[in-house]
Amino acid sequence: MDEITSVFVVESREQLAALESALLQLESSPDDDDTLNAIFRSAHTIKGGAGVIECDYIVAFTHVVENVLDRLREHAVKASADLIALLLGCADHIGGLLGVLESGAEGPDADLAAEGEALLGR
């Protein structure tokens, strides 16, 4: 793995930790705009970095998550316990995708890809 990709993985894992922490905060303050914006920024940063290193499978998955987060920021949808649980699952999946990138594989295996599709379907 080259240095740029390595830095991306490390920084993305930090962004994921921040995203997960903010999602947990959202459970007690579902309308907190600062928390909603922090969650969106973390996902947006991961997606943008993935675009820079041309990791299309992370960009594609995170783009859909980012769209949901944008709707949360706009208060078009409510931050329910089910949605927060789903978003935490998406964060775990992004972590798995980062592991794929770290391993040097071309993309996620069939099981991981199916997990991602199931999450996006929900």
C-alpha atoms as a PDB file:
ATOM      1  CA  MET A   1       0.000   0.000   0.000  1.00  0.00           C
ATOM      2  CA  ASP A   2       1.437   3.383  -0.947  1.00  0.00           C
ATOM      3  CA  GLU A   3       1.850   6.207   1.548  1.00  0.00           C
ATOM      4  CA  ILE A   4      -1.170   8.234   0.379  1.00  0.00           C
ATOM      5  CA  THR A   5      -3.454   5.217   0.717  1.00  0.00           C
ATOM      6  CA  SER A   6      -1.994   4.403   4.116  1.00  0.00           C
ATOM      7  CA  VAL A   7      -2.639   7.946   5.356  1.00  0.00           C
ATOM      8  CA  PHE A   8      -6.165   7.791   3.941  1.00  0.00           C
ATOM      9  CA  VAL A   9      -6.898   4.551   5.821  1.00  0.00           C
ATOM     10  CA  VAL A  10      -5.578   5.918   9.130  1.00  0.00           C
ATOM     11  CA  GLU A  11      -7.464   9.202   8.789  1.00  0.00           C
ATOM     12  CA  SER A  12     -10.640   7.446   7.664  1.00  0.00           C
ATOM     13  CA  ARG A  13     -10.569   5.165  10.700  1.00  0.00           C
ATOM     14  CA  GLU A  14     -10.305   8.297  12.864  1.00  0.00           C
ATOM     15  CA  GLN A  15     -13.264   9.825  10.999  1.00  0.00           C
ATOM     16  CA  LEU A  16     -15.239   6.606  11.505  1.00  0.00           C
ATOM     17  CA  ALA A  17     -14.577   6.698  15.245  1.00  0.00           C
ATOM     18  CA  ALA A  18     -15.814  10.300  15.350  1.00  0.00           C
ATOM     19  CA  LEU A  19     -18.850   9.390  13.235  1.00  0.00           C
ATOM     20  CA  GLU A  20     -19.777   6.467  15.496  1.00  0.00           C
ATOM     21  CA  SER A  21     -19.361   8.565  18.629  1.00  0.00           C
ATOM     22  CA  ALA A  22     -21.556  11.313  17.187  1.00  0.00           C
ATOM     23  CA  LEU A  23     -24.198   8.780  16.134  1.00  0.00           C
ATOM     24  CA  LEU A  24     -24.361   7.550  19.724  1.00  0.00           C
ATOM     25  CA  GLN A  25     -24.754  11.155  20.913  1.00  0.00           C
ATOM     26  CA  LEU A  26     -27.572  11.571  18.415  1.00  0.00           C
ATOM     27  CA  GLU A  27     -29.640   8.984  20.307  1.00  0.00           C
ATOM     28  CA  SER A  28     -30.099  11.424  23.189  1.00  0.00           C
ATOM     29  CA  SER A  29     -30.212  14.597  21.040  1.00  0.00           C
ATOM     30  CA  PRO A  30     -31.788  13.643  17.699  1.00  0.00           C
ATOM     31  CA  ASP A  31     -32.264  17.241  16.551  1.00  0.00           C
ATOM     32  CA  ASP A  32     -28.827  18.586  17.489  1.00  0.00           C
ATOM     33  CA  ASP A  33     -27.599  20.342  14.345  1.00  0.00           C
ATOM     34  CA  ASP A  34     -23.955  20.387  15.484  1.00  0.00           C
ATOM     35  CA  THR A  35     -23.973  16.618  15.935  1.00  0.00           C
ATOM     36  CA  LEU A  36     -25.772  16.077  12.628  1.00  0.00           C
ATOM     37  CA  ASN A  37     -23.241  18.277  10.843  1.00  0.00           C
ATOM     38  CA  ALA A  38     -20.314  16.466  12.485  1.00  0.00           C
ATOM     39  CA  ILE A  39     -21.667  13.106  11.339  1.00  0.00           C
ATOM     40  CA  PHE A  40     -22.143  14.377   7.800  1.00  0.00           C
ATOM     41  CA  ARG A  41     -18.640  15.909   7.704  1.00  0.00           C
ATOM     42  CA  SER A  42     -17.052  12.634   8.768  1.00  0.00           C
ATOM     43  CA  ALA A  43     -18.800  10.687   6.012  1.00  0.00           C
ATOM     44  CA  HIS A  44     -18.087  13.434   3.478  1.00  0.00           C
ATOM     45  CA  THR A  45     -14.387  13.455   4.402  1.00  0.00           C
ATOM     46  CA  ILE A  46     -14.140   9.687   3.958  1.00  0.00           C
ATOM     47  CA  LYS A  47     -15.918   9.829   0.614  1.00  0.00           C
ATOM     48  CA  GLY A  48     -13.747  12.702  -0.599  1.00  0.00           C
ATOM     49  CA  GLY A  49     -10.527  10.972   0.406  1.00  0.00           C
ATOM     50  CA  ALA A  50     -11.674   7.758  -1.275  1.00  0.00           C
ATOM     51  CA  GLY A  51     -12.283   9.768  -4.428  1.00  0.00           C
ATOM     52  CA  VAL A  52      -8.776  11.200  -4.312  1.00  0.00           C
ATOM     53  CA  ILE A  53      -7.227   7.732  -4.174  1.00  0.00           C
ATOM     54  CA  GLU A  54      -9.803   6.448  -6.707  1.00  0.00           C
ATOM     55  CA  CYS A  55     -11.332   3.809  -4.449  1.00  0.00           C
ATOM     56  CA  ASP A  56     -14.671   3.603  -6.196  1.00  0.00           C
ATOM     57  CA  TYR A  57     -16.292   1.001  -3.942  1.00  0.00           C
ATOM     58  CA  ILE A  58     -15.811   3.203  -0.860  1.00  0.00           C
ATOM     59  CA  VAL A  59     -16.995   6.285  -2.770  1.00  0.00           C
ATOM     60  CA  ALA A  60     -20.128   4.515  -4.030  1.00  0.00           C
ATOM     61  CA  PHE A  61     -21.205   3.125  -0.649  1.00  0.00           C
ATOM     62  CA  THR A  62     -20.366   6.247   1.322  1.00  0.00           C
ATOM     63  CA  HIS A  63     -22.152   8.463  -1.207  1.00  0.00           C
ATOM     64  CA  VAL A  64     -25.470   6.768  -0.438  1.00  0.00           C
ATOM     65  CA  VAL A  65     -24.838   7.032   3.318  1.00  0.00           C
ATOM     66  CA  GLU A  66     -23.966  10.691   2.853  1.00  0.00           C
ATOM     67  CA  ASN A  67     -27.294  11.272   1.056  1.00  0.00           C
ATOM     68  CA  VAL A  68     -29.188   9.863   4.052  1.00  0.00           C
ATOM     69  CA  LEU A  69     -27.115  11.993   6.414  1.00  0.00           C
ATOM     70  CA  ASP A  70     -27.891  15.054   4.327  1.00  0.00           C
ATOM     71  CA  ARG A  71     -31.615  14.341   4.712  1.00  0.00           C
ATOM     72  CA  LEU A  72     -31.077  14.108   8.471  1.00  0.00           C
ATOM     73  CA  ARG A  73     -29.310  17.476   8.458  1.00  0.00           C
ATOM     74  CA  GLU A  74     -32.212  18.990   6.558  1.00  0.00           C
ATOM     75  CA  HIS A  75     -34.623  17.440   9.099  1.00  0.00           C
ATOM     76  CA  ALA A  76     -36.396  15.674   6.221  1.00  0.00           C
ATOM     77  CA  VAL A  77     -36.116  12.433   8.221  1.00  0.00           C
ATOM     78  CA  LYS A  78     -35.953  11.880  11.978  1.00  0.00           C
ATOM     79  CA  ALA A  79     -33.040  10.258  13.772  1.00  0.00           C
ATOM     80  CA  SER A  80     -34.879   7.209  15.105  1.00  0.00           C
ATOM     81  CA  ALA A  81     -33.228   4.369  17.013  1.00  0.00           C
ATOM     82  CA  ASP A  82     -33.630   2.138  13.944  1.00  0.00           C
ATOM     83  CA  LEU A  83     -31.991   4.667  11.625  1.00  0.00           C
ATOM     84  CA  ILE A  84     -29.123   5.239  14.043  1.00  0.00           C
ATOM     85  CA  ALA A  85     -28.590   1.467  14.294  1.00  0.00           C
ATOM     86  CA  LEU A  86     -28.593   1.238  10.490  1.00  0.00           C
ATOM     87  CA  LEU A  87     -26.066   4.078  10.214  1.00  0.00           C
ATOM     88  CA  LEU A  88     -23.843   2.391  12.813  1.00  0.00           C
ATOM     89  CA  GLY A  89     -24.007  -0.735  10.648  1.00  0.00           C
ATOM     90  CA  CYS A  90     -23.016   1.369   7.646  1.00  0.00           C
ATOM     91  CA  ALA A  91     -20.061   2.752   9.599  1.00  0.00           C
ATOM     92  CA  ASP A  92     -18.968  -0.818  10.400  1.00  0.00           C
ATOM     93  CA  HIS A  93     -19.287  -1.675   6.717  1.00  0.00           C
ATOM     94  CA  ILE A  94     -17.130   1.295   5.731  1.00  0.00           C
ATOM     95  CA  GLY A  95     -14.568  -0.025   8.211  1.00  0.00           C
ATOM     96  CA  GLY A  96     -14.732  -3.374   6.426  1.00  0.00           C
ATOM     97  CA  LEU A  97     -14.227  -1.653   3.077  1.00  0.00           C
ATOM     98  CA  LEU A  98     -11.192   0.123   4.489  1.00  0.00           C
ATOM     99  CA  GLY A  99      -9.864  -3.307   5.477  1.00  0.00           C
ATOM    100  CA  VAL A 100     -10.301  -4.476   1.884  1.00  0.00           C
ATOM    101  CA  LEU A 101      -8.340  -1.469   0.655  1.00  0.00           C
ATOM    102  CA  GLU A 102      -5.667  -2.086   3.287  1.00  0.00           C
ATOM    103  CA  SER A 103      -5.311  -5.703   2.193  1.00  0.00           C
ATOM    104  CA  GLY A 104      -4.615  -4.657  -1.382  1.00  0.00           C
ATOM    105  CA  ALA A 105      -7.618  -6.512  -2.805  1.00  0.00           C
ATOM    106  CA  GLU A 106      -9.284  -5.085  -5.911  1.00  0.00           C
ATOM    107  CA  GLY A 107     -12.627  -4.811  -4.149  1.00  0.00           C
ATOM    108  CA  PRO A 108     -14.870  -6.422  -1.576  1.00  0.00           C
ATOM    109  CA  ASP A 109     -15.568 -10.141  -1.811  1.00  0.00           C
ATOM    110  CA  ALA A 110     -19.068 -11.380  -2.617  1.00  0.00           C
ATOM    111  CA  ASP A 111     -20.127 -11.617   1.046  1.00  0.00           C
ATOM    112  CA  LEU A 112     -19.006  -8.103   1.922  1.00  0.00           C
ATOM    113  CA  ALA A 113     -20.547  -6.717  -1.273  1.00  0.00           C
ATOM    114  CA  ALA A 114     -23.851  -8.442  -0.428  1.00  0.00           C
ATOM    115  CA  GLU A 115     -23.724  -6.997   3.090  1.00  0.00           C
ATOM    116  CA  GLY A 116     -23.266  -3.539   1.609  1.00  0.00           C
ATOM    117  CA  GLU A 117     -26.170  -3.999  -0.794  1.00  0.00           C
ATOM    118  CA  ALA A 118     -28.392  -5.170   2.062  1.00  0.00           C
ATOM    119  CA  LEU A 119     -27.490  -2.105   4.130  1.00  0.00           C
ATOM    120  CA  LEU A 120     -28.164   0.219   1.206  1.00  0.00           C
ATOM    121  CA  GLY A 121     -31.457  -1.524   0.572  1.00  0.00           C
ATOM    122  CA  ARG A 122     -32.584  -0.765   4.106  1.00  0.00           C
END
